[in-house]
Every structure is written in structure tokens, then in C-alpha cells.
């Protein structure tokens, strides 16, 4: 179980000075391009933070982490779903940082926790060619690379 109350990676990338979001996509699995450009002009950051606050409150509700959550691919305990949601937010923050040329070394401690939590939950059948599977093949990353880059490579992103 991931136990972090830090500001989510996507909102702590440091977006000041970014004015042109068009064409900022970071590639496969990236949320930095396409629909995520709704963050452009600073409009989406407040909405993102508000949605994040609602998600955190929902996960902190009594019994939320032990309750089964019905997802399109499985029924999972809330604690597992919270780890998946945290991993998604972190990965999208990494995508965004990379797309706008900021440091991708977002939060080494949390990245390490996510690798440990998500690693056992990501079966090979969820990896494959772009458009056919949610994740690409794991990308080899040097052992001395930042933990966030290690996580990105594990998730099929190219650090």
C-alpha cells in the first residue's frame, strides 16, 4: 500500500512559463499530449488539484481501502486501486515533466514504493504493441537512473 500525502507529481512538475502545450506529447502511454493539453494556460491545474483532493478524500473514507472496487478488468480491494491510481498520477506527472523539458526525477521515495507495489500487479499479457495493450514492453534503464525513470521504463516509457 502506498502511503503518501505529498502533492501529486503532475501538479508539482513546475509548469510556470509553459505557454504552448500543442505538440507537447511524450509518446506512447503519455498523457502529456492529446486530451491532457487541457492543462494548457493553467486552466486545468486547479481542476486537477481539486480532483486529486476528491480522490484522496475518497480513499481515506472509512472502509474505502478494504471495500472491493469494480473496475473494467477486475474487482480489486480499494488499497490496490489506490496504488494503481497513485501510479497513474505519478506516471502522468513524469510524462508531463519529460514533455515540457523539466526534470523527471520527481520523488525517488514514492517512485520506489510504486515500483514495489505495481511490479507484482502488472502481468505480461497487459504489455504489447501500441494500441493493442495498455503497456509497452519494459524498457531497459541504467541501474543508476533516477527511480522515477526506472518506474517509467518499467511501465514501457522511454526515459
N, C-alpha and C. Protein backbone atom coordinates (compact mmCIF):
# COMPACT_ATOMS: atom_id res chain seq x y z
N UNK A 1 0.85 -1.19 0.00
CA UNK A 1 0.00 0.00 0.00
C UNK A 1 0.88 1.23 0.00
N UNK A 2 0.60 2.13 -0.90
CA UNK A 2 1.33 3.39 -0.99
C UNK A 2 0.75 4.34 0.06
N UNK A 3 1.61 4.91 0.85
CA UNK A 3 1.15 5.83 1.89
C UNK A 3 1.83 7.18 1.69
N UNK A 4 1.31 7.96 0.78
CA UNK A 4 1.90 9.27 0.50
C UNK A 4 0.81 10.31 0.47
N UNK A 5 1.06 11.42 1.11
CA UNK A 5 0.12 12.55 1.06
C UNK A 5 0.78 13.74 0.39
N UNK A 6 1.90 13.48 -0.29
CA UNK A 6 2.59 14.56 -0.98
C UNK A 6 1.77 15.02 -2.18
N UNK A 7 2.05 16.24 -2.61
CA UNK A 7 1.39 16.80 -3.79
C UNK A 7 1.66 15.88 -4.98
N UNK A 8 0.65 15.55 -5.75
CA UNK A 8 0.84 14.65 -6.89
C UNK A 8 1.87 15.17 -7.89
N UNK A 9 2.57 14.24 -8.48
CA UNK A 9 3.68 14.57 -9.39
C UNK A 9 3.25 15.50 -10.52
N UNK A 10 2.10 15.28 -11.10
CA UNK A 10 1.69 16.08 -12.25
C UNK A 10 1.52 17.54 -11.90
N UNK A 11 1.14 17.84 -10.66
CA UNK A 11 0.95 19.24 -10.30
C UNK A 11 2.19 19.85 -9.67
N UNK A 12 3.22 19.05 -9.42
CA UNK A 12 4.43 19.61 -8.81
C UNK A 12 5.59 19.66 -9.80
N UNK A 13 5.31 19.46 -11.07
CA UNK A 13 6.35 19.47 -12.09
C UNK A 13 6.95 20.86 -12.24
N UNK A 14 6.18 21.88 -11.95
CA UNK A 14 6.67 23.25 -12.12
C UNK A 14 6.30 23.72 -13.51
N UNK A 15 5.07 24.12 -13.68
CA UNK A 15 4.56 24.43 -15.01
C UNK A 15 4.71 25.88 -15.40
N UNK A 16 5.24 26.69 -14.52
CA UNK A 16 5.39 28.11 -14.83
C UNK A 16 6.18 28.31 -16.11
N UNK A 17 5.74 29.25 -16.93
CA UNK A 17 6.47 29.58 -18.14
C UNK A 17 6.12 28.73 -19.34
N UNK A 18 5.29 27.74 -19.16
CA UNK A 18 4.89 26.91 -20.31
C UNK A 18 3.65 27.54 -20.90
N UNK A 19 3.75 27.99 -22.15
CA UNK A 19 2.60 28.66 -22.75
C UNK A 19 2.07 27.94 -23.98
N UNK A 20 2.86 27.06 -24.57
CA UNK A 20 2.43 26.37 -25.78
C UNK A 20 2.37 24.88 -25.53
N UNK A 21 1.17 24.37 -25.30
CA UNK A 21 1.01 22.95 -24.98
C UNK A 21 0.82 22.10 -26.22
N UNK A 22 0.55 22.71 -27.35
CA UNK A 22 0.33 21.92 -28.56
C UNK A 22 1.61 21.20 -28.93
N UNK A 23 1.50 19.95 -29.30
CA UNK A 23 2.65 19.18 -29.74
C UNK A 23 3.58 18.79 -28.61
N UNK A 24 3.13 18.82 -27.38
CA UNK A 24 3.98 18.52 -26.25
C UNK A 24 3.92 17.05 -25.85
N UNK A 25 3.31 16.19 -26.64
CA UNK A 25 3.18 14.77 -26.29
C UNK A 25 4.52 14.10 -26.08
N UNK A 26 4.56 13.17 -25.13
CA UNK A 26 5.81 12.49 -24.79
C UNK A 26 5.88 11.09 -25.37
N UNK A 27 4.89 10.67 -26.14
CA UNK A 27 4.96 9.35 -26.75
C UNK A 27 3.98 8.37 -26.15
N UNK A 28 4.19 7.09 -26.45
CA UNK A 28 3.31 6.01 -26.03
C UNK A 28 2.94 6.11 -24.56
N UNK A 29 1.67 5.97 -24.27
CA UNK A 29 1.21 5.98 -22.91
C UNK A 29 1.25 7.36 -22.27
N UNK A 30 1.60 8.35 -23.05
CA UNK A 30 1.78 9.68 -22.49
C UNK A 30 0.45 10.40 -22.34
N UNK A 31 0.30 11.04 -21.23
CA UNK A 31 -0.86 11.90 -21.02
C UNK A 31 -0.49 13.35 -21.25
N UNK A 32 0.74 13.60 -21.63
CA UNK A 32 1.17 14.99 -21.79
C UNK A 32 0.66 15.59 -23.09
N UNK A 33 0.30 14.79 -24.05
CA UNK A 33 -0.26 15.32 -25.29
C UNK A 33 -1.74 15.00 -25.33
N UNK A 34 -2.33 15.15 -26.48
CA UNK A 34 -3.73 14.78 -26.64
C UNK A 34 -4.64 15.50 -25.67
N UNK A 35 -5.52 14.73 -25.02
CA UNK A 35 -6.51 15.32 -24.13
C UNK A 35 -5.91 16.04 -22.94
N UNK A 36 -4.70 15.68 -22.55
CA UNK A 36 -4.11 16.27 -21.35
C UNK A 36 -3.72 17.72 -21.57
N UNK A 37 -3.71 18.17 -22.81
CA UNK A 37 -3.38 19.58 -23.04
C UNK A 37 -4.45 20.49 -22.47
N UNK A 38 -5.49 19.93 -21.89
CA UNK A 38 -6.48 20.75 -21.19
C UNK A 38 -5.82 21.53 -20.06
N UNK A 39 -4.65 21.09 -19.63
CA UNK A 39 -3.92 21.78 -18.58
C UNK A 39 -3.35 23.10 -19.10
N UNK A 40 -3.28 23.26 -20.42
CA UNK A 40 -2.67 24.46 -21.02
C UNK A 40 -3.27 25.73 -20.43
N UNK A 41 -2.49 26.72 -20.43
CA UNK A 41 -2.87 28.04 -19.94
C UNK A 41 -3.21 28.02 -18.46
N UNK A 42 -2.80 26.99 -17.73
CA UNK A 42 -3.01 26.94 -16.30
C UNK A 42 -4.43 26.64 -15.89
N UNK A 43 -5.34 26.48 -16.84
CA UNK A 43 -6.75 26.27 -16.53
C UNK A 43 -6.97 24.95 -15.83
N UNK A 44 -6.31 23.91 -16.30
CA UNK A 44 -6.58 22.58 -15.78
C UNK A 44 -5.91 22.25 -14.48
N UNK A 45 -4.90 23.00 -14.05
CA UNK A 45 -4.17 22.65 -12.85
C UNK A 45 -5.04 22.73 -11.61
N UNK A 46 -5.85 23.76 -11.50
CA UNK A 46 -6.77 23.86 -10.36
C UNK A 46 -7.77 22.73 -10.37
N UNK A 47 -8.30 22.40 -11.54
CA UNK A 47 -9.24 21.28 -11.65
C UNK A 47 -8.56 19.97 -11.31
N UNK A 48 -7.31 19.82 -11.76
CA UNK A 48 -6.54 18.61 -11.44
C UNK A 48 -6.34 18.48 -9.93
N UNK A 49 -5.93 19.58 -9.29
CA UNK A 49 -5.73 19.54 -7.85
C UNK A 49 -7.03 19.25 -7.11
N UNK A 50 -8.14 19.83 -7.57
CA UNK A 50 -9.43 19.58 -6.93
C UNK A 50 -9.84 18.12 -7.08
N UNK A 51 -9.65 17.56 -8.28
CA UNK A 51 -9.98 16.15 -8.50
C UNK A 51 -9.09 15.25 -7.65
N UNK A 52 -7.82 15.63 -7.53
CA UNK A 52 -6.90 14.86 -6.70
C UNK A 52 -7.35 14.88 -5.25
N UNK A 53 -7.74 16.05 -4.76
CA UNK A 53 -8.22 16.17 -3.38
C UNK A 53 -9.45 15.29 -3.16
N UNK A 54 -10.36 15.25 -4.13
CA UNK A 54 -11.55 14.40 -4.01
C UNK A 54 -11.17 12.92 -3.98
N UNK A 55 -10.21 12.54 -4.83
CA UNK A 55 -9.78 11.14 -4.85
C UNK A 55 -9.13 10.75 -3.54
N UNK A 56 -8.27 11.61 -3.01
CA UNK A 56 -7.62 11.32 -1.72
C UNK A 56 -8.67 11.19 -0.63
N UNK A 57 -9.63 12.10 -0.60
CA UNK A 57 -10.70 12.02 0.41
C UNK A 57 -11.48 10.72 0.27
N UNK A 58 -11.76 10.31 -0.97
CA UNK A 58 -12.50 9.05 -1.18
C UNK A 58 -11.70 7.86 -0.68
N UNK A 59 -10.39 7.85 -0.94
CA UNK A 59 -9.57 6.73 -0.48
C UNK A 59 -9.40 6.74 1.04
N UNK A 60 -9.54 7.90 1.68
CA UNK A 60 -9.41 7.99 3.13
C UNK A 60 -10.71 7.73 3.86
N UNK A 61 -11.81 7.60 3.14
CA UNK A 61 -13.11 7.34 3.78
C UNK A 61 -13.09 5.99 4.51
N UNK A 62 -13.86 5.92 5.54
CA UNK A 62 -13.96 4.70 6.35
C UNK A 62 -14.27 3.48 5.46
N UNK A 63 -13.41 2.49 5.52
CA UNK A 63 -13.61 1.23 4.80
C UNK A 63 -13.23 1.25 3.33
N UNK A 64 -12.81 2.41 2.82
CA UNK A 64 -12.54 2.52 1.38
C UNK A 64 -11.42 1.59 0.92
N UNK A 65 -10.43 1.37 1.74
CA UNK A 65 -9.28 0.57 1.31
C UNK A 65 -9.54 -0.93 1.40
N UNK A 66 -10.58 -1.33 2.10
CA UNK A 66 -10.90 -2.76 2.20
C UNK A 66 -12.09 -3.13 1.32
N UNK A 67 -12.84 -2.16 0.88
CA UNK A 67 -14.01 -2.39 0.03
C UNK A 67 -13.56 -2.82 -1.37
N UNK A 68 -14.30 -3.74 -1.99
CA UNK A 68 -13.99 -4.14 -3.36
C UNK A 68 -14.45 -3.05 -4.34
N UNK A 69 -13.60 -2.76 -5.30
CA UNK A 69 -13.89 -1.77 -6.33
C UNK A 69 -14.02 -2.51 -7.65
N UNK A 70 -15.12 -2.30 -8.35
CA UNK A 70 -15.34 -2.97 -9.64
C UNK A 70 -14.71 -2.11 -10.74
N UNK A 71 -13.68 -2.65 -11.36
CA UNK A 71 -13.00 -1.98 -12.47
C UNK A 71 -13.27 -2.77 -13.74
N UNK A 72 -13.02 -2.20 -14.91
CA UNK A 72 -13.29 -2.92 -16.15
C UNK A 72 -12.52 -4.23 -16.29
N UNK A 73 -11.39 -4.35 -15.63
CA UNK A 73 -10.54 -5.53 -15.79
C UNK A 73 -10.54 -6.46 -14.59
N UNK A 74 -11.09 -6.03 -13.44
CA UNK A 74 -11.10 -6.88 -12.25
C UNK A 74 -11.82 -6.18 -11.10
N UNK A 75 -12.22 -6.98 -10.13
CA UNK A 75 -12.70 -6.45 -8.86
C UNK A 75 -11.52 -6.48 -7.90
N UNK A 76 -11.14 -5.31 -7.39
CA UNK A 76 -9.94 -5.20 -6.56
C UNK A 76 -10.24 -4.52 -5.24
N UNK A 77 -9.48 -4.85 -4.20
CA UNK A 77 -9.62 -4.11 -2.94
C UNK A 77 -9.24 -2.64 -3.17
N UNK A 78 -9.87 -1.75 -2.42
CA UNK A 78 -9.60 -0.33 -2.55
C UNK A 78 -8.13 0.02 -2.39
N UNK A 79 -7.41 -0.70 -1.54
CA UNK A 79 -5.98 -0.42 -1.33
C UNK A 79 -5.19 -0.65 -2.62
N UNK A 80 -5.53 -1.68 -3.36
CA UNK A 80 -4.85 -1.96 -4.63
C UNK A 80 -5.22 -0.88 -5.65
N UNK A 81 -6.49 -0.52 -5.69
CA UNK A 81 -6.92 0.52 -6.61
C UNK A 81 -6.23 1.85 -6.28
N UNK A 82 -6.06 2.15 -4.99
CA UNK A 82 -5.37 3.38 -4.59
C UNK A 82 -3.92 3.37 -5.11
N UNK A 83 -3.27 2.22 -5.04
CA UNK A 83 -1.90 2.12 -5.57
C UNK A 83 -1.87 2.34 -7.08
N UNK A 84 -2.85 1.77 -7.78
CA UNK A 84 -2.93 1.95 -9.24
C UNK A 84 -3.16 3.43 -9.57
N UNK A 85 -4.08 4.07 -8.85
CA UNK A 85 -4.38 5.49 -9.11
C UNK A 85 -3.16 6.36 -8.82
N UNK A 86 -2.44 6.04 -7.74
CA UNK A 86 -1.23 6.80 -7.42
C UNK A 86 -0.18 6.61 -8.51
N UNK A 87 -0.03 5.38 -8.98
CA UNK A 87 0.92 5.10 -10.05
C UNK A 87 0.56 5.84 -11.33
N UNK A 88 -0.72 5.88 -11.65
CA UNK A 88 -1.16 6.61 -12.84
C UNK A 88 -0.82 8.09 -12.73
N UNK A 89 -1.17 8.70 -11.60
CA UNK A 89 -0.91 10.12 -11.41
C UNK A 89 0.59 10.41 -11.49
N UNK A 90 1.39 9.54 -10.89
CA UNK A 90 2.84 9.73 -10.91
C UNK A 90 3.38 9.60 -12.34
N UNK A 91 2.93 8.57 -13.05
CA UNK A 91 3.41 8.35 -14.42
C UNK A 91 3.01 9.51 -15.32
N UNK A 92 1.80 10.04 -15.16
CA UNK A 92 1.38 11.17 -15.98
C UNK A 92 2.20 12.42 -15.64
N UNK A 93 2.56 12.57 -14.36
CA UNK A 93 3.45 13.66 -13.97
C UNK A 93 4.81 13.52 -14.62
N UNK A 94 5.31 12.29 -14.69
CA UNK A 94 6.59 12.03 -15.35
C UNK A 94 6.48 12.37 -16.84
N UNK A 95 5.39 11.91 -17.48
CA UNK A 95 5.16 12.23 -18.90
C UNK A 95 5.18 13.74 -19.13
N UNK A 96 4.47 14.44 -18.28
CA UNK A 96 4.36 15.88 -18.43
C UNK A 96 5.72 16.55 -18.24
N UNK A 97 6.46 16.15 -17.21
CA UNK A 97 7.79 16.72 -16.97
C UNK A 97 8.69 16.50 -18.18
N UNK A 98 8.66 15.30 -18.71
CA UNK A 98 9.51 14.98 -19.86
C UNK A 98 9.09 15.79 -21.09
N UNK A 99 7.79 15.90 -21.29
CA UNK A 99 7.29 16.60 -22.48
C UNK A 99 7.64 18.08 -22.48
N UNK A 100 7.72 18.68 -21.31
CA UNK A 100 8.00 20.12 -21.25
C UNK A 100 9.45 20.41 -20.88
N UNK A 101 10.27 19.36 -20.85
CA UNK A 101 11.70 19.56 -20.63
C UNK A 101 12.11 19.80 -19.20
N UNK A 102 11.28 19.39 -18.25
CA UNK A 102 11.61 19.54 -16.84
C UNK A 102 12.23 18.25 -16.31
N UNK A 103 12.80 18.31 -15.13
CA UNK A 103 13.40 17.13 -14.52
C UNK A 103 12.34 16.05 -14.31
N UNK A 104 12.70 14.81 -14.62
CA UNK A 104 11.79 13.69 -14.39
C UNK A 104 12.11 12.99 -13.07
N UNK A 105 13.04 13.51 -12.31
CA UNK A 105 13.40 12.93 -11.01
C UNK A 105 12.43 13.48 -9.97
N UNK A 106 11.18 13.00 -10.03
CA UNK A 106 10.08 13.63 -9.30
C UNK A 106 10.04 13.35 -7.81
N UNK A 107 10.13 12.14 -7.40
CA UNK A 107 10.03 11.80 -5.97
C UNK A 107 10.61 10.40 -5.81
N UNK A 108 11.92 10.31 -5.56
CA UNK A 108 12.58 8.99 -5.53
C UNK A 108 11.93 8.00 -4.56
N UNK A 109 11.53 8.46 -3.38
CA UNK A 109 10.93 7.54 -2.40
C UNK A 109 9.61 6.98 -2.91
N UNK A 110 8.74 7.84 -3.40
CA UNK A 110 7.45 7.39 -3.91
C UNK A 110 7.62 6.52 -5.15
N UNK A 111 8.55 6.89 -6.03
CA UNK A 111 8.79 6.07 -7.22
C UNK A 111 9.22 4.66 -6.82
N UNK A 112 10.08 4.54 -5.84
CA UNK A 112 10.50 3.23 -5.36
C UNK A 112 9.34 2.43 -4.78
N UNK A 113 8.48 3.10 -4.02
CA UNK A 113 7.29 2.43 -3.47
C UNK A 113 6.38 1.95 -4.59
N UNK A 114 6.23 2.76 -5.63
CA UNK A 114 5.36 2.38 -6.74
C UNK A 114 5.93 1.20 -7.52
N UNK A 115 7.23 1.18 -7.74
CA UNK A 115 7.84 0.04 -8.42
C UNK A 115 7.55 -1.24 -7.63
N UNK A 116 7.73 -1.17 -6.31
CA UNK A 116 7.49 -2.34 -5.46
C UNK A 116 6.02 -2.76 -5.46
N UNK A 117 5.12 -1.77 -5.48
CA UNK A 117 3.69 -2.08 -5.42
C UNK A 117 3.12 -2.54 -6.76
N UNK A 118 3.51 -1.86 -7.83
CA UNK A 118 2.92 -2.14 -9.15
C UNK A 118 3.58 -3.34 -9.82
N UNK A 119 4.86 -3.53 -9.58
CA UNK A 119 5.60 -4.62 -10.21
C UNK A 119 4.89 -5.96 -10.20
N UNK A 120 4.47 -6.42 -9.04
CA UNK A 120 3.81 -7.73 -8.99
C UNK A 120 2.41 -7.74 -9.61
N UNK A 121 1.82 -6.55 -9.83
CA UNK A 121 0.45 -6.48 -10.35
C UNK A 121 0.36 -6.34 -11.85
N UNK A 122 1.49 -6.18 -12.54
CA UNK A 122 1.45 -5.92 -13.98
C UNK A 122 1.84 -7.16 -14.76
N UNK A 123 0.85 -7.96 -15.15
CA UNK A 123 1.16 -9.19 -15.88
C UNK A 123 1.62 -8.92 -17.32
N UNK A 124 2.38 -9.82 -17.85
CA UNK A 124 2.91 -9.68 -19.22
C UNK A 124 1.80 -9.53 -20.25
N UNK A 125 0.64 -10.13 -20.03
CA UNK A 125 -0.43 -10.04 -21.03
C UNK A 125 -0.99 -8.62 -21.15
N UNK A 126 -0.60 -7.71 -20.24
CA UNK A 126 -1.02 -6.31 -20.36
C UNK A 126 0.01 -5.49 -21.15
N UNK A 127 1.07 -6.16 -21.64
CA UNK A 127 2.10 -5.48 -22.42
C UNK A 127 1.98 -5.90 -23.88
N UNK A 128 2.25 -4.98 -24.77
CA UNK A 128 2.21 -5.31 -26.18
C UNK A 128 2.37 -4.07 -27.04
N UNK A 129 2.12 -4.22 -28.33
CA UNK A 129 2.26 -3.10 -29.25
C UNK A 129 1.30 -1.96 -28.92
N UNK A 130 1.73 -0.77 -29.27
CA UNK A 130 0.92 0.42 -29.06
C UNK A 130 -0.45 0.24 -29.70
N UNK A 131 -1.50 0.57 -28.97
CA UNK A 131 -2.86 0.44 -29.48
C UNK A 131 -3.47 -0.94 -29.25
N UNK A 132 -2.64 -1.91 -28.85
CA UNK A 132 -3.15 -3.26 -28.62
C UNK A 132 -3.07 -3.67 -27.15
N UNK A 133 -2.32 -2.94 -26.36
CA UNK A 133 -2.16 -3.26 -24.95
C UNK A 133 -1.95 -1.97 -24.16
N UNK A 134 -2.35 -1.97 -22.89
CA UNK A 134 -2.21 -0.76 -22.10
C UNK A 134 -0.76 -0.33 -21.85
N UNK A 135 0.17 -1.30 -21.84
CA UNK A 135 1.57 -1.01 -21.55
C UNK A 135 2.45 -1.59 -22.64
N UNK A 136 3.51 -0.87 -22.96
CA UNK A 136 4.50 -1.40 -23.87
C UNK A 136 5.44 -2.32 -23.13
N UNK A 137 6.33 -2.97 -23.85
CA UNK A 137 7.34 -3.80 -23.18
C UNK A 137 8.18 -2.93 -22.25
N UNK A 138 8.64 -3.52 -21.16
CA UNK A 138 9.51 -2.79 -20.24
C UNK A 138 10.74 -2.32 -21.01
N UNK A 139 11.19 -1.11 -20.70
CA UNK A 139 12.36 -0.50 -21.35
C UNK A 139 13.53 -0.58 -20.37
N UNK A 140 14.66 -1.08 -20.85
CA UNK A 140 15.85 -1.16 -20.01
C UNK A 140 16.32 0.25 -19.65
N UNK A 141 16.58 0.46 -18.37
CA UNK A 141 17.03 1.75 -17.86
C UNK A 141 18.28 1.49 -17.03
N UNK A 142 19.30 2.33 -17.16
CA UNK A 142 20.52 2.11 -16.36
C UNK A 142 20.20 2.05 -14.86
N UNK A 143 20.92 1.20 -14.16
CA UNK A 143 20.68 0.99 -12.72
C UNK A 143 20.85 2.27 -11.91
N UNK A 144 21.66 3.21 -12.40
CA UNK A 144 21.88 4.44 -11.65
C UNK A 144 20.92 5.57 -12.06
N UNK A 145 19.95 5.26 -12.92
CA UNK A 145 18.96 6.26 -13.33
C UNK A 145 18.05 6.59 -12.15
N UNK A 146 17.47 7.80 -12.13
CA UNK A 146 16.54 8.15 -11.06
C UNK A 146 15.40 7.13 -10.95
N UNK A 147 14.89 6.96 -9.74
CA UNK A 147 13.82 5.98 -9.51
C UNK A 147 12.60 6.25 -10.39
N UNK A 148 12.28 7.51 -10.62
CA UNK A 148 11.12 7.83 -11.48
C UNK A 148 11.36 7.35 -12.91
N UNK A 149 12.59 7.46 -13.39
CA UNK A 149 12.91 6.94 -14.73
C UNK A 149 12.86 5.42 -14.74
N UNK A 150 13.27 4.79 -13.64
CA UNK A 150 13.18 3.33 -13.53
C UNK A 150 11.71 2.90 -13.64
N UNK A 151 10.84 3.61 -12.93
CA UNK A 151 9.41 3.31 -12.99
C UNK A 151 8.88 3.52 -14.40
N UNK A 152 9.25 4.63 -15.03
CA UNK A 152 8.80 4.91 -16.39
C UNK A 152 9.21 3.80 -17.33
N UNK A 153 10.44 3.35 -17.25
CA UNK A 153 10.90 2.24 -18.09
C UNK A 153 10.12 0.97 -17.83
N UNK A 154 9.85 0.69 -16.57
CA UNK A 154 9.06 -0.49 -16.22
C UNK A 154 7.67 -0.42 -16.84
N UNK A 155 7.11 0.79 -16.89
CA UNK A 155 5.77 0.97 -17.44
C UNK A 155 5.76 1.04 -18.97
N UNK A 156 6.94 0.92 -19.60
CA UNK A 156 7.01 0.90 -21.05
C UNK A 156 7.30 2.24 -21.68
N UNK A 157 7.65 3.22 -20.88
CA UNK A 157 8.00 4.54 -21.40
C UNK A 157 9.50 4.59 -21.66
N UNK A 158 9.90 5.46 -22.55
CA UNK A 158 11.31 5.62 -22.90
C UNK A 158 11.89 6.82 -22.15
N UNK A 159 12.63 6.56 -21.07
CA UNK A 159 13.23 7.69 -20.32
C UNK A 159 14.26 8.46 -21.16
